Amino acid sequence: MGPIEERIVKKIEEGLAPERMAVINESHLHAGHAHGPSDGSGETHFRVRVISPAFEGLSRIERHRTLNALLTQEIADGVHALALEPAAPGENVRW
């Protein structure tokens, strides 16, 4: 786990107290694209899956805004893409 991924995990744990979470570095899937090492070895693209009580009663957009606000510094530091999959406890998820 790289330093940016560690920061993402820590901020989500502290900010949302998730019941379940997965932070997946998908940078290797984007090898050759702009915004990172051409070999895909960087920390530029992540999939963030979170189940948290903090999302109860929030719309999909509000959930995304919550995560984006938590990760503002990581985005500023070079995270190019976040695929966000937030859910409240008891909601169906595909993962």
C-alpha atoms as a PDB file:
ATOM      1  CA  MET A   1       0.000   0.000   0.000  1.00  0.00           C
ATOM      2  CA  GLY A   2       1.416   3.343  -1.029  1.00  0.00           C
ATOM      3  CA  PRO A   3       1.369   6.566   0.985  1.00  0.00           C
ATOM      4  CA  ILE A   4      -1.592   8.119  -0.844  1.00  0.00           C
ATOM      5  CA  GLU A   5      -3.667   4.968  -0.456  1.00  0.00           C
ATOM      6  CA  GLU A   6      -2.788   4.905   3.252  1.00  0.00           C
ATOM      7  CA  ARG A   7      -3.961   8.513   3.627  1.00  0.00           C
ATOM      8  CA  ILE A   8      -7.227   7.730   1.835  1.00  0.00           C
ATOM      9  CA  VAL A   9      -7.901   4.757   4.120  1.00  0.00           C
ATOM     10  CA  LYS A  10      -7.061   6.742   7.264  1.00  0.00           C
ATOM     11  CA  LYS A  11      -9.244   9.711   6.339  1.00  0.00           C
ATOM     12  CA  ILE A  12     -12.237   7.522   5.523  1.00  0.00           C
ATOM     13  CA  GLU A  13     -11.817   5.509   8.723  1.00  0.00           C
ATOM     14  CA  GLU A  14     -11.608   8.673  10.817  1.00  0.00           C
ATOM     15  CA  GLY A  15     -14.278  10.631   8.968  1.00  0.00           C
ATOM     16  CA  LEU A  16     -16.916   7.995   8.285  1.00  0.00           C
ATOM     17  CA  ALA A  17     -16.361   5.094  10.705  1.00  0.00           C
ATOM     18  CA  PRO A  18     -17.161   2.581   7.944  1.00  0.00           C
ATOM     19  CA  GLU A  19     -18.663  -0.838   8.583  1.00  0.00           C
ATOM     20  CA  ARG A  20     -16.878  -2.054   5.478  1.00  0.00           C
ATOM     21  CA  MET A  21     -14.407  -0.421   3.146  1.00  0.00           C
ATOM     22  CA  ALA A  22     -12.132  -1.245   0.234  1.00  0.00           C
ATOM     23  CA  VAL A  23      -9.704   1.181  -1.354  1.00  0.00           C
ATOM     24  CA  ILE A  24      -8.391  -0.293  -4.587  1.00  0.00           C
ATOM     25  CA  ASN A  25      -5.491   1.214  -6.517  1.00  0.00           C
ATOM     26  CA  GLU A  26      -6.492   0.881 -10.172  1.00  0.00           C
ATOM     27  CA  SER A  27      -3.606   2.940 -11.551  1.00  0.00           C
ATOM     28  CA  HIS A  28      -2.166  -0.087 -13.345  1.00  0.00           C
ATOM     29  CA  LEU A  29      -5.352  -0.235 -15.451  1.00  0.00           C
ATOM     30  CA  HIS A  30      -4.507   3.199 -16.809  1.00  0.00           C
ATOM     31  CA  ALA A  31      -0.921   2.607 -17.929  1.00  0.00           C
ATOM     32  CA  GLY A  32      -0.015   4.939 -20.747  1.00  0.00           C
ATOM     33  CA  HIS A  33      -2.671   7.502 -19.861  1.00  0.00           C
ATOM     34  CA  ALA A  34      -1.903  11.020 -18.741  1.00  0.00           C
ATOM     35  CA  HIS A  35      -1.674  11.956 -15.056  1.00  0.00           C
ATOM     36  CA  GLY A  36       0.844   9.481 -13.743  1.00  0.00           C
ATOM     37  CA  PRO A  37       3.700   7.141 -14.571  1.00  0.00           C
ATOM     38  CA  SER A  38       3.311   5.679 -18.043  1.00  0.00           C
ATOM     39  CA  ASP A  39       3.759   2.165 -16.653  1.00  0.00           C
ATOM     40  CA  GLY A  40       0.739   2.488 -14.313  1.00  0.00           C
ATOM     41  CA  SER A  41       2.817   2.139 -11.167  1.00  0.00           C
ATOM     42  CA  GLY A  42       1.601   5.341  -9.504  1.00  0.00           C
ATOM     43  CA  GLU A  43      -1.242   6.264  -7.207  1.00  0.00           C
ATOM     44  CA  THR A  44      -3.502   8.223  -9.521  1.00  0.00           C
ATOM     45  CA  HIS A  45      -6.658   6.118  -9.964  1.00  0.00           C
ATOM     46  CA  PHE A  46      -8.630   4.570  -7.101  1.00  0.00           C
ATOM     47  CA  ARG A  47     -11.905   2.746  -6.569  1.00  0.00           C
ATOM     48  CA  VAL A  48     -13.337   3.556  -3.134  1.00  0.00           C
ATOM     49  CA  ARG A  49     -16.047   1.295  -1.728  1.00  0.00           C
ATOM     50  CA  VAL A  50     -17.513   2.347   1.615  1.00  0.00           C
ATOM     51  CA  ILE A  51     -20.463   1.250   3.705  1.00  0.00           C
ATOM     52  CA  SER A  52     -21.034   3.771   6.476  1.00  0.00           C
ATOM     53  CA  PRO A  53     -23.903   4.926   8.682  1.00  0.00           C
ATOM     54  CA  ALA A  54     -22.824   8.463   7.725  1.00  0.00           C
ATOM     55  CA  PHE A  55     -24.450   7.899   4.321  1.00  0.00           C
ATOM     56  CA  GLU A  56     -27.919   7.129   5.712  1.00  0.00           C
ATOM     57  CA  GLY A  57     -30.468   9.557   4.314  1.00  0.00           C
ATOM     58  CA  LEU A  58     -28.011  11.130   1.858  1.00  0.00           C
ATOM     59  CA  SER A  59     -28.511  11.191  -1.891  1.00  0.00           C
ATOM     60  CA  ARG A  60     -25.929   9.664  -4.191  1.00  0.00           C
ATOM     61  CA  ILE A  61     -24.573  13.131  -4.996  1.00  0.00           C
ATOM     62  CA  GLU A  62     -24.324  14.049  -1.305  1.00  0.00           C
ATOM     63  CA  ARG A  63     -22.424  10.824  -0.616  1.00  0.00           C
ATOM     64  CA  HIS A  64     -19.971  11.597  -3.418  1.00  0.00           C
ATOM     65  CA  ARG A  65     -19.538  15.151  -2.151  1.00  0.00           C
ATOM     66  CA  THR A  66     -18.837  13.837   1.335  1.00  0.00           C
ATOM     67  CA  LEU A  67     -16.065  11.571   0.050  1.00  0.00           C
ATOM     68  CA  ASN A  68     -14.636  14.237  -2.240  1.00  0.00           C
ATOM     69  CA  ALA A  69     -14.517  16.700   0.672  1.00  0.00           C
ATOM     70  CA  LEU A  70     -12.647  14.169   2.815  1.00  0.00           C
ATOM     71  CA  LEU A  71     -10.133  13.547   0.040  1.00  0.00           C
ATOM     72  CA  THR A  72      -9.584  17.113  -1.177  1.00  0.00           C
ATOM     73  CA  GLN A  73      -5.867  17.052  -0.367  1.00  0.00           C
ATOM     74  CA  GLU A  74      -5.302  13.709  -2.079  1.00  0.00           C
ATOM     75  CA  ILE A  75      -6.962  15.021  -5.222  1.00  0.00           C
ATOM     76  CA  ALA A  76      -4.782  18.139  -5.062  1.00  0.00           C
ATOM     77  CA  ASP A  77      -1.724  15.919  -4.585  1.00  0.00           C
ATOM     78  CA  GLY A  78      -2.270  14.045  -7.846  1.00  0.00           C
ATOM     79  CA  VAL A  79      -5.152  11.593  -7.547  1.00  0.00           C
ATOM     80  CA  HIS A  80      -6.661  11.919 -10.990  1.00  0.00           C
ATOM     81  CA  ALA A  81      -9.691   9.623 -10.708  1.00  0.00           C
ATOM     82  CA  LEU A  82     -11.897   8.310  -7.923  1.00  0.00           C
ATOM     83  CA  ALA A  83     -14.549   5.709  -8.691  1.00  0.00           C
ATOM     84  CA  LEU A  84     -16.805   6.071  -5.661  1.00  0.00           C
ATOM     85  CA  GLU A  85     -19.197   3.381  -4.438  1.00  0.00           C
ATOM     86  CA  PRO A  86     -20.730   4.660  -1.181  1.00  0.00           C
ATOM     87  CA  ALA A  87     -23.591   2.895   0.579  1.00  0.00           C
ATOM     88  CA  ALA A  88     -25.447   2.986   3.875  1.00  0.00           C
ATOM     89  CA  PRO A  89     -25.738  -0.139   6.044  1.00  0.00           C
ATOM     90  CA  GLY A  90     -28.341  -2.558   4.748  1.00  0.00           C
ATOM     91  CA  GLU A  91     -28.228  -1.318   1.164  1.00  0.00           C
ATOM     92  CA  ASN A  92     -27.452  -3.772  -1.586  1.00  0.00           C
ATOM     93  CA  VAL A  93     -23.956  -3.521  -3.013  1.00  0.00           C
ATOM     94  CA  ARG A  94     -22.332  -5.425  -5.839  1.00  0.00           C
ATOM     95  CA  TRP A  95     -19.156  -6.073  -3.894  1.00  0.00           C
END
